[in-house]
Amino acid sequence: MEVILRLQCDDVLGGRIERETPTGLVTIATVAREDDGLAVHVITGQAVQSLQHLQGLRARDCNELQRRMGRTDVTVTMPTG
């Protein structure tokens, strides 16, 4: 089963990661500015099943984070604007 995630991210402010579900988008993690980059903090719950690999994920910026989040079964989109 393919998972679709939506990354709403700002290099300075951080953001959030949402997962598409049959009932709509559910926030599954926050992205926080830490030290010299961004870090992911997963929110526990049903919608994060099989996405624990995201916990503690770090990146220099939003573009790198988007690339690092993706896997063969995970598609990551990042809206522009």
PDB file of N, CA and C in Angstrom:
ATOM      1  N   MET A   1       0.832  -1.182   0.000  1.00  0.00           N
ATOM      2  CA  MET A   1       0.000   0.000   0.000  1.00  0.00           C
ATOM      3  C   MET A   1       0.879   1.249   0.000  1.00  0.00           C
ATOM      4  N   GLU A   2       0.637   2.126  -0.949  1.00  0.00           N
ATOM      5  CA  GLU A   2       1.421   3.350  -1.045  1.00  0.00           C
ATOM      6  C   GLU A   2       0.896   4.394  -0.071  1.00  0.00           C
ATOM      7  N   VAL A   3       1.803   5.094   0.556  1.00  0.00           N
ATOM      8  CA  VAL A   3       1.479   6.162   1.499  1.00  0.00           C
ATOM      9  C   VAL A   3       1.817   7.481   0.825  1.00  0.00           C
ATOM     10  N   ILE A   4       0.907   8.452   0.928  1.00  0.00           N
ATOM     11  CA  ILE A   4       1.160   9.783   0.376  1.00  0.00           C
ATOM     12  C   ILE A   4       1.243  10.769   1.530  1.00  0.00           C
ATOM     13  N   LEU A   5       2.376  11.464   1.602  1.00  0.00           N
ATOM     14  CA  LEU A   5       2.602  12.455   2.644  1.00  0.00           C
ATOM     15  C   LEU A   5       2.706  13.832   2.017  1.00  0.00           C
ATOM     16  N   ARG A   6       2.214  14.819   2.743  1.00  0.00           N
ATOM     17  CA  ARG A   6       2.314  16.209   2.302  1.00  0.00           C
ATOM     18  C   ARG A   6       3.183  16.952   3.311  1.00  0.00           C
ATOM     19  N   LEU A   7       4.272  17.495   2.832  1.00  0.00           N
ATOM     20  CA  LEU A   7       5.214  18.231   3.669  1.00  0.00           C
ATOM     21  C   LEU A   7       4.963  19.717   3.499  1.00  0.00           C
ATOM     22  N   GLN A   8       4.571  20.380   4.572  1.00  0.00           N
ATOM     23  CA  GLN A   8       4.419  21.843   4.577  1.00  0.00           C
ATOM     24  C   GLN A   8       5.608  22.346   5.377  1.00  0.00           C
ATOM     25  N   CYS A   9       6.535  23.006   4.708  1.00  0.00           N
ATOM     26  CA  CYS A   9       7.822  23.285   5.341  1.00  0.00           C
ATOM     27  C   CYS A   9       8.370  24.646   4.952  1.00  0.00           C
ATOM     28  N   ASP A  10       9.010  25.268   5.928  1.00  0.00           N
ATOM     29  CA  ASP A  10       9.734  26.517   5.732  1.00  0.00           C
ATOM     30  C   ASP A  10      11.112  26.306   6.341  1.00  0.00           C
ATOM     31  N   ASP A  11      12.169  26.687   5.622  1.00  0.00           N
ATOM     32  CA  ASP A  11      13.533  26.453   6.094  1.00  0.00           C
ATOM     33  C   ASP A  11      13.829  27.124   7.433  1.00  0.00           C
ATOM     34  N   VAL A  12      13.167  28.224   7.739  1.00  0.00           N
ATOM     35  CA  VAL A  12      13.417  28.951   8.982  1.00  0.00           C
ATOM     36  C   VAL A  12      12.414  28.565  10.070  1.00  0.00           C
ATOM     37  N   LEU A  13      11.140  28.434   9.709  1.00  0.00           N
ATOM     38  CA  LEU A  13      10.086  28.217  10.702  1.00  0.00           C
ATOM     39  C   LEU A  13       9.752  26.755  10.972  1.00  0.00           C
ATOM     40  N   GLY A  14      10.162  25.843  10.097  1.00  0.00           N
ATOM     41  CA  GLY A  14       9.775  24.437  10.245  1.00  0.00           C
ATOM     42  C   GLY A  14       8.426  24.210   9.598  1.00  0.00           C
ATOM     43  N   GLY A  15       7.634  23.286  10.139  1.00  0.00           N
ATOM     44  CA  GLY A  15       6.330  23.021   9.546  1.00  0.00           C
ATOM     45  C   GLY A  15       5.695  21.756  10.062  1.00  0.00           C
ATOM     46  N   ARG A  16       5.000  21.035   9.152  1.00  0.00           N
ATOM     47  CA  ARG A  16       4.317  19.806   9.554  1.00  0.00           C
ATOM     48  C   ARG A  16       4.270  18.831   8.380  1.00  0.00           C
ATOM     49  N   ILE A  17       4.027  17.576   8.736  1.00  0.00           N
ATOM     50  CA  ILE A  17       3.865  16.514   7.743  1.00  0.00           C
ATOM     51  C   ILE A  17       2.470  15.932   7.928  1.00  0.00           C
ATOM     52  N   GLU A  18       1.729  15.847   6.823  1.00  0.00           N
ATOM     53  CA  GLU A  18       0.369  15.315   6.854  1.00  0.00           C
ATOM     54  C   GLU A  18       0.310  14.053   6.002  1.00  0.00           C
ATOM     55  N   ARG A  19      -0.573  13.147   6.400  1.00  0.00           N
ATOM     56  CA  ARG A  19      -0.780  11.909   5.649  1.00  0.00           C
ATOM     57  C   ARG A  19      -2.174  11.920   5.063  1.00  0.00           C
ATOM     58  N   GLU A  20      -2.285  11.516   3.791  1.00  0.00           N
ATOM     59  CA  GLU A  20      -3.601  11.404   3.169  1.00  0.00           C
ATOM     60  C   GLU A  20      -4.291  10.155   3.695  1.00  0.00           C
ATOM     61  N   THR A  21      -5.541  10.326   4.160  1.00  0.00           N
ATOM     62  CA  THR A  21      -6.363   9.214   4.627  1.00  0.00           C
ATOM     63  C   THR A  21      -7.699   9.294   3.888  1.00  0.00           C
ATOM     64  N   PRO A  22      -8.525   8.251   3.970  1.00  0.00           N
ATOM     65  CA  PRO A  22      -9.830   8.296   3.300  1.00  0.00           C
ATOM     66  C   PRO A  22     -10.717   9.453   3.777  1.00  0.00           C
ATOM     67  N   THR A  23     -10.485   9.938   5.000  1.00  0.00           N
ATOM     68  CA  THR A  23     -11.307  11.027   5.533  1.00  0.00           C
ATOM     69  C   THR A  23     -10.653  12.397   5.406  1.00  0.00           C
ATOM     70  N   GLY A  24      -9.456  12.460   4.820  1.00  0.00           N
ATOM     71  CA  GLY A  24      -8.769  13.738   4.643  1.00  0.00           C
ATOM     72  C   GLY A  24      -7.340  13.689   5.147  1.00  0.00           C
ATOM     73  N   LEU A  25      -6.708  14.849   5.226  1.00  0.00           N
ATOM     74  CA  LEU A  25      -5.323  14.939   5.692  1.00  0.00           C
ATOM     75  C   LEU A  25      -5.265  14.904   7.213  1.00  0.00           C
ATOM     76  N   VAL A  26      -4.296  14.139   7.740  1.00  0.00           N
ATOM     77  CA  VAL A  26      -4.086  14.030   9.181  1.00  0.00           C
ATOM     78  C   VAL A  26      -2.638  14.402   9.463  1.00  0.00           C
ATOM     79  N   THR A  27      -2.413  15.318  10.400  1.00  0.00           N
ATOM     80  CA  THR A  27      -1.052  15.697  10.766  1.00  0.00           C
ATOM     81  C   THR A  27      -0.419  14.556  11.539  1.00  0.00           C
ATOM     82  N   ILE A  28       0.751  14.088  11.067  1.00  0.00           N
ATOM     83  CA  ILE A  28       1.427  12.969  11.719  1.00  0.00           C
ATOM     84  C   ILE A  28       2.753  13.362  12.366  1.00  0.00           C
ATOM     85  N   ALA A  29       3.273  14.561  12.024  1.00  0.00           N
ATOM     86  CA  ALA A  29       4.557  14.972  12.575  1.00  0.00           C
ATOM     87  C   ALA A  29       4.729  16.477  12.455  1.00  0.00           C
ATOM     88  N   THR A  30       5.598  16.991  13.298  1.00  0.00           N
ATOM     89  CA  THR A  30       5.997  18.385  13.189  1.00  0.00           C
ATOM     90  C   THR A  30       7.443  18.437  12.717  1.00  0.00           C
ATOM     91  N   VAL A  31       7.791  19.540  12.078  1.00  0.00           N
ATOM     92  CA  VAL A  31       9.161  19.769  11.622  1.00  0.00           C
ATOM     93  C   VAL A  31       9.638  21.007  12.371  1.00  0.00           C
ATOM     94  N   ALA A  32      10.690  20.838  13.166  1.00  0.00           N
ATOM     95  CA  ALA A  32      11.171  21.937  13.998  1.00  0.00           C
ATOM     96  C   ALA A  32      12.591  22.320  13.612  1.00  0.00           C
ATOM     97  N   ARG A  33      12.873  23.589  13.745  1.00  0.00           N
ATOM     98  CA  ARG A  33      14.227  24.104  13.509  1.00  0.00           C
ATOM     99  C   ARG A  33      15.071  23.706  14.711  1.00  0.00           C
ATOM    100  N   GLU A  34      16.175  23.020  14.465  1.00  0.00           N
ATOM    101  CA  GLU A  34      17.086  22.622  15.540  1.00  0.00           C
ATOM    102  C   GLU A  34      18.519  22.785  15.056  1.00  0.00           C
ATOM    103  N   ASP A  35      19.324  23.433  15.866  1.00  0.00           N
ATOM    104  CA  ASP A  35      20.731  23.654  15.549  1.00  0.00           C
ATOM    105  C   ASP A  35      20.886  24.238  14.145  1.00  0.00           C
ATOM    106  N   ASP A  36      21.513  23.511  13.247  1.00  0.00           N
ATOM    107  CA  ASP A  36      21.765  24.044  11.904  1.00  0.00           C
ATOM    108  C   ASP A  36      20.894  23.378  10.845  1.00  0.00           C
ATOM    109  N   GLY A  37      19.719  22.880  11.242  1.00  0.00           N
ATOM    110  CA  GLY A  37      18.848  22.227  10.272  1.00  0.00           C
ATOM    111  C   GLY A  37      17.445  22.007  10.811  1.00  0.00           C
ATOM    112  N   LEU A  38      16.762  21.019  10.236  1.00  0.00           N
ATOM    113  CA  LEU A  38      15.391  20.688  10.604  1.00  0.00           C
ATOM    114  C   LEU A  38      15.341  19.272  11.155  1.00  0.00           C
ATOM    115  N   ALA A  39      14.428  19.038  12.110  1.00  0.00           N
ATOM    116  CA  ALA A  39      14.246  17.706  12.686  1.00  0.00           C
ATOM    117  C   ALA A  39      12.763  17.371  12.724  1.00  0.00           C
ATOM    118  N   VAL A  40      12.442  16.100  12.469  1.00  0.00           N
ATOM    119  CA  VAL A  40      11.059  15.621  12.454  1.00  0.00           C
ATOM    120  C   VAL A  40      10.724  15.004  13.809  1.00  0.00           C
ATOM    121  N   HIS A  41       9.536  15.338  14.322  1.00  0.00           N
ATOM    122  CA  HIS A  41       9.028  14.774  15.572  1.00  0.00           C
ATOM    123  C   HIS A  41       7.655  14.171  15.292  1.00  0.00           C
ATOM    124  N   VAL A  42       7.568  12.840  15.296  1.00  0.00           N
ATOM    125  CA  VAL A  42       6.333  12.129  14.962  1.00  0.00           C
ATOM    126  C   VAL A  42       5.344  12.227  16.120  1.00  0.00           C
ATOM    127  N   ILE A  43       4.072  12.444  15.783  1.00  0.00           N
ATOM    128  CA  ILE A  43       2.979  12.461  16.744  1.00  0.00           C
ATOM    129  C   ILE A  43       2.421  11.041  16.802  1.00  0.00           C
ATOM    130  N   THR A  44       2.340  10.467  17.982  1.00  0.00           N
ATOM    131  CA  THR A  44       1.866   9.084  18.083  1.00  0.00           C
ATOM    132  C   THR A  44       0.387   8.986  17.732  1.00  0.00           C
ATOM    133  N   GLY A  45       0.014   7.874  17.113  1.00  0.00           N
ATOM    134  CA  GLY A  45      -1.373   7.644  16.724  1.00  0.00           C
ATOM    135  C   GLY A  45      -1.478   6.664  15.571  1.00  0.00           C
ATOM    136  N   GLN A  46      -2.679   6.337  15.185  1.00  0.00           N
ATOM    137  CA  GLN A  46      -2.946   5.373  14.133  1.00  0.00           C
ATOM    138  C   GLN A  46      -2.383   5.789  12.780  1.00  0.00           C
ATOM    139  N   ALA A  47      -2.442   7.049  12.444  1.00  0.00           N
ATOM    140  CA  ALA A  47      -2.039   7.509  11.116  1.00  0.00           C
ATOM    141  C   ALA A  47      -0.542   7.377  10.860  1.00  0.00           C
ATOM    142  N   VAL A  48       0.254   7.146  11.901  1.00  0.00           N
ATOM    143  CA  VAL A  48       1.705   7.045  11.717  1.00  0.00           C
ATOM    144  C   VAL A  48       2.175   5.604  11.595  1.00  0.00           C
ATOM    145  N   GLN A  49       1.267   4.679  11.572  1.00  0.00           N
ATOM    146  CA  GLN A  49       1.629   3.274  11.429  1.00  0.00           C
ATOM    147  C   GLN A  49       2.537   3.091  10.223  1.00  0.00           C
ATOM    148  N   SER A  50       3.632   2.432  10.389  1.00  0.00           N
ATOM    149  CA  SER A  50       4.646   2.148   9.367  1.00  0.00           C
ATOM    150  C   SER A  50       5.463   3.376   8.952  1.00  0.00           C
ATOM    151  N   LEU A  51       5.331   4.475   9.658  1.00  0.00           N
ATOM    152  CA  LEU A  51       6.103   5.682   9.323  1.00  0.00           C
ATOM    153  C   LEU A  51       7.050   6.098  10.446  1.00  0.00           C
ATOM    154  N   GLN A  52       7.345   5.187  11.357  1.00  0.00           N
ATOM    155  CA  GLN A  52       8.222   5.513  12.478  1.00  0.00           C
ATOM    156  C   GLN A  52       9.644   5.865  12.025  1.00  0.00           C
ATOM    157  N   HIS A  53      10.000   5.492  10.786  1.00  0.00           N
ATOM    158  CA  HIS A  53      11.332   5.847  10.271  1.00  0.00           C
ATOM    159  C   HIS A  53      11.518   7.361  10.190  1.00  0.00           C
ATOM    160  N   LEU A  54      10.422   8.108  10.257  1.00  0.00           N
ATOM    161  CA  LEU A  54      10.508   9.565  10.183  1.00  0.00           C
ATOM    162  C   LEU A  54      10.989  10.190  11.493  1.00  0.00           C
ATOM    163  N   GLN A  55      10.761   9.492  12.624  1.00  0.00           N
ATOM    164  CA  GLN A  55      11.119  10.049  13.931  1.00  0.00           C
ATOM    165  C   GLN A  55      12.606  10.379  13.983  1.00  0.00           C
ATOM    166  N   GLY A  56      12.907  11.634  14.306  1.00  0.00           N
ATOM    167  CA  GLY A  56      14.284  12.076  14.447  1.00  0.00           C
ATOM    168  C   GLY A  56      15.016  12.340  13.139  1.00  0.00           C
ATOM    169  N   LEU A  57      14.326  12.194  12.010  1.00  0.00           N
ATOM    170  CA  LEU A  57      14.943  12.459  10.713  1.00  0.00           C
ATOM    171  C   LEU A  57      15.435  13.905  10.687  1.00  0.00           C
ATOM    172  N   ARG A  58      16.633  14.117  10.186  1.00  0.00           N
ATOM    173  CA  ARG A  58      17.226  15.458  10.143  1.00  0.00           C
ATOM    174  C   ARG A  58      17.642  15.800   8.718  1.00  0.00           C
ATOM    175  N   ALA A  59      17.587  17.105   8.424  1.00  0.00           N
ATOM    176  CA  ALA A  59      17.997  17.589   7.106  1.00  0.00           C
ATOM    177  C   ALA A  59      18.430  19.045   7.221  1.00  0.00           C
ATOM    178  N   ARG A  60      19.217  19.488   6.249  1.00  0.00           N
ATOM    179  CA  ARG A  60      19.667  20.892   6.238  1.00  0.00           C
ATOM    180  C   ARG A  60      18.537  21.854   5.915  1.00  0.00           C
ATOM    181  N   ASP A  61      17.650  21.438   4.978  1.00  0.00           N
ATOM    182  CA  ASP A  61      16.570  22.319   4.538  1.00  0.00           C
ATOM    183  C   ASP A  61      15.369  21.478   4.101  1.00  0.00           C
ATOM    184  N   CYS A  62      14.303  22.136   3.680  1.00  0.00           N
ATOM    185  CA  CYS A  62      13.058  21.454   3.303  1.00  0.00           C
ATOM    186  C   CYS A  62      13.233  20.535   2.107  1.00  0.00           C
ATOM    187  N   ASN A  63      14.000  20.957   1.114  1.00  0.00           N
ATOM    188  CA  ASN A  63      14.205  20.118  -0.076  1.00  0.00           C
ATOM    189  C   ASN A  63      14.928  18.822   0.268  1.00  0.00           C
ATOM    190  N   GLU A  64      15.947  18.917   1.094  1.00  0.00           N
ATOM    191  CA  GLU A  64      16.656  17.708   1.515  1.00  0.00           C
ATOM    192  C   GLU A  64      15.734  16.821   2.347  1.00  0.00           C
ATOM    193  N   LEU A  65      14.930  17.421   3.209  1.00  0.00           N
ATOM    194  CA  LEU A  65      13.989  16.656   4.024  1.00  0.00           C
ATOM    195  C   LEU A  65      13.000  15.897   3.144  1.00  0.00           C
ATOM    196  N   GLN A  66      12.490  16.540   2.119  1.00  0.00           N
ATOM    197  CA  GLN A  66      11.556  15.881   1.203  1.00  0.00           C
ATOM    198  C   GLN A  66      12.202  14.653   0.566  1.00  0.00           C
ATOM    199  N   ARG A  67      13.436  14.790   0.119  1.00  0.00           N
ATOM    200  CA  ARG A  67      14.149  13.661  -0.495  1.00  0.00           C
ATOM    201  C   ARG A  67      14.388  12.530   0.500  1.00  0.00           C
ATOM    202  N   ARG A  68      14.746  12.872   1.732  1.00  0.00           N
ATOM    203  CA  ARG A  68      15.060  11.860   2.734  1.00  0.00           C
ATOM    204  C   ARG A  68      13.816  11.144   3.255  1.00  0.00           C
ATOM    205  N   MET A  69      12.658  11.781   3.174  1.00  0.00           N
ATOM    206  CA  MET A  69      11.419  11.163   3.646  1.00  0.00           C
ATOM    207  C   MET A  69      10.907  10.091   2.706  1.00  0.00           C
ATOM    208  N   GLY A  70      11.145  10.243   1.416  1.00  0.00           N
ATOM    209  CA  GLY A  70      10.598   9.337   0.417  1.00  0.00           C
ATOM    210  C   GLY A  70      11.233   7.953   0.461  1.00  0.00           C
ATOM    211  N   ARG A  71      10.433   6.947   0.186  1.00  0.00           N
ATOM    212  CA  ARG A  71      10.891   5.567   0.050  1.00  0.00           C
ATOM    213  C   ARG A  71      10.080   4.951  -1.078  1.00  0.00           C
ATOM    214  N   THR A  72      10.322   3.702  -1.373  1.00  0.00           N
ATOM    215  CA  THR A  72       9.599   3.070  -2.472  1.00  0.00           C
ATOM    216  C   THR A  72       8.096   3.035  -2.225  1.00  0.00           C
ATOM    217  N   ASP A  73       7.685   2.959  -0.958  1.00  0.00           N
ATOM    218  CA  ASP A  73       6.251   2.897  -0.627  1.00  0.00           C
ATOM    219  C   ASP A  73       5.701   4.223  -0.101  1.00  0.00           C
ATOM    220  N   VAL A  74       6.516   5.277  -0.116  1.00  0.00           N
ATOM    221  CA  VAL A  74       6.112   6.581   0.414  1.00  0.00           C
ATOM    222  C   VAL A  74       6.363   7.656  -0.639  1.00  0.00           C
ATOM    223  N   THR A  75       5.300   8.379  -1.006  1.00  0.00           N
ATOM    224  CA  THR A  75       5.418   9.514  -1.919  1.00  0.00           C
ATOM    225  C   THR A  75       5.272  10.791  -1.101  1.00  0.00           C
ATOM    226  N   VAL A  76       6.176  11.725  -1.288  1.00  0.00           N
ATOM    227  CA  VAL A  76       6.158  12.981  -0.535  1.00  0.00           C
ATOM    228  C   VAL A  76       5.936  14.130  -1.508  1.00  0.00           C
ATOM    229  N   THR A  77       4.910  14.936  -1.231  1.00  0.00           N
ATOM    230  CA  THR A  77       4.660  16.137  -2.033  1.00  0.00           C
ATOM    231  C   THR A  77       4.919  17.352  -1.156  1.00  0.00           C
ATOM    232  N   MET A  78       5.337  18.444  -1.782  1.00  0.00           N
ATOM    233  CA  MET A  78       5.556  19.683  -1.053  1.00  0.00           C
ATOM    234  C   MET A  78       4.919  20.802  -1.858  1.00  0.00           C
ATOM    235  N   PRO A  79       3.796  21.338  -1.357  1.00  0.00           N
ATOM    236  CA  PRO A  79       3.120  22.401  -2.111  1.00  0.00           C
ATOM    237  C   PRO A  79       4.013  23.629  -2.280  1.00  0.00           C
ATOM    238  N   THR A  80       3.870  24.308  -3.379  1.00  0.00           N
ATOM    239  CA  THR A  80       4.619  25.533  -3.614  1.00  0.00           C
ATOM    240  C   THR A  80       3.739  26.720  -3.283  1.00  0.00           C
ATOM    241  N   GLY A  81       4.364  27.765  -2.821  1.00  0.00           N
ATOM    242  CA  GLY A  81       3.615  28.988  -2.550  1.00  0.00           C
ATOM    243  C   GLY A  81       3.207  29.198  -1.168  1.00  0.00           C
TER     244      GLY A  81
END
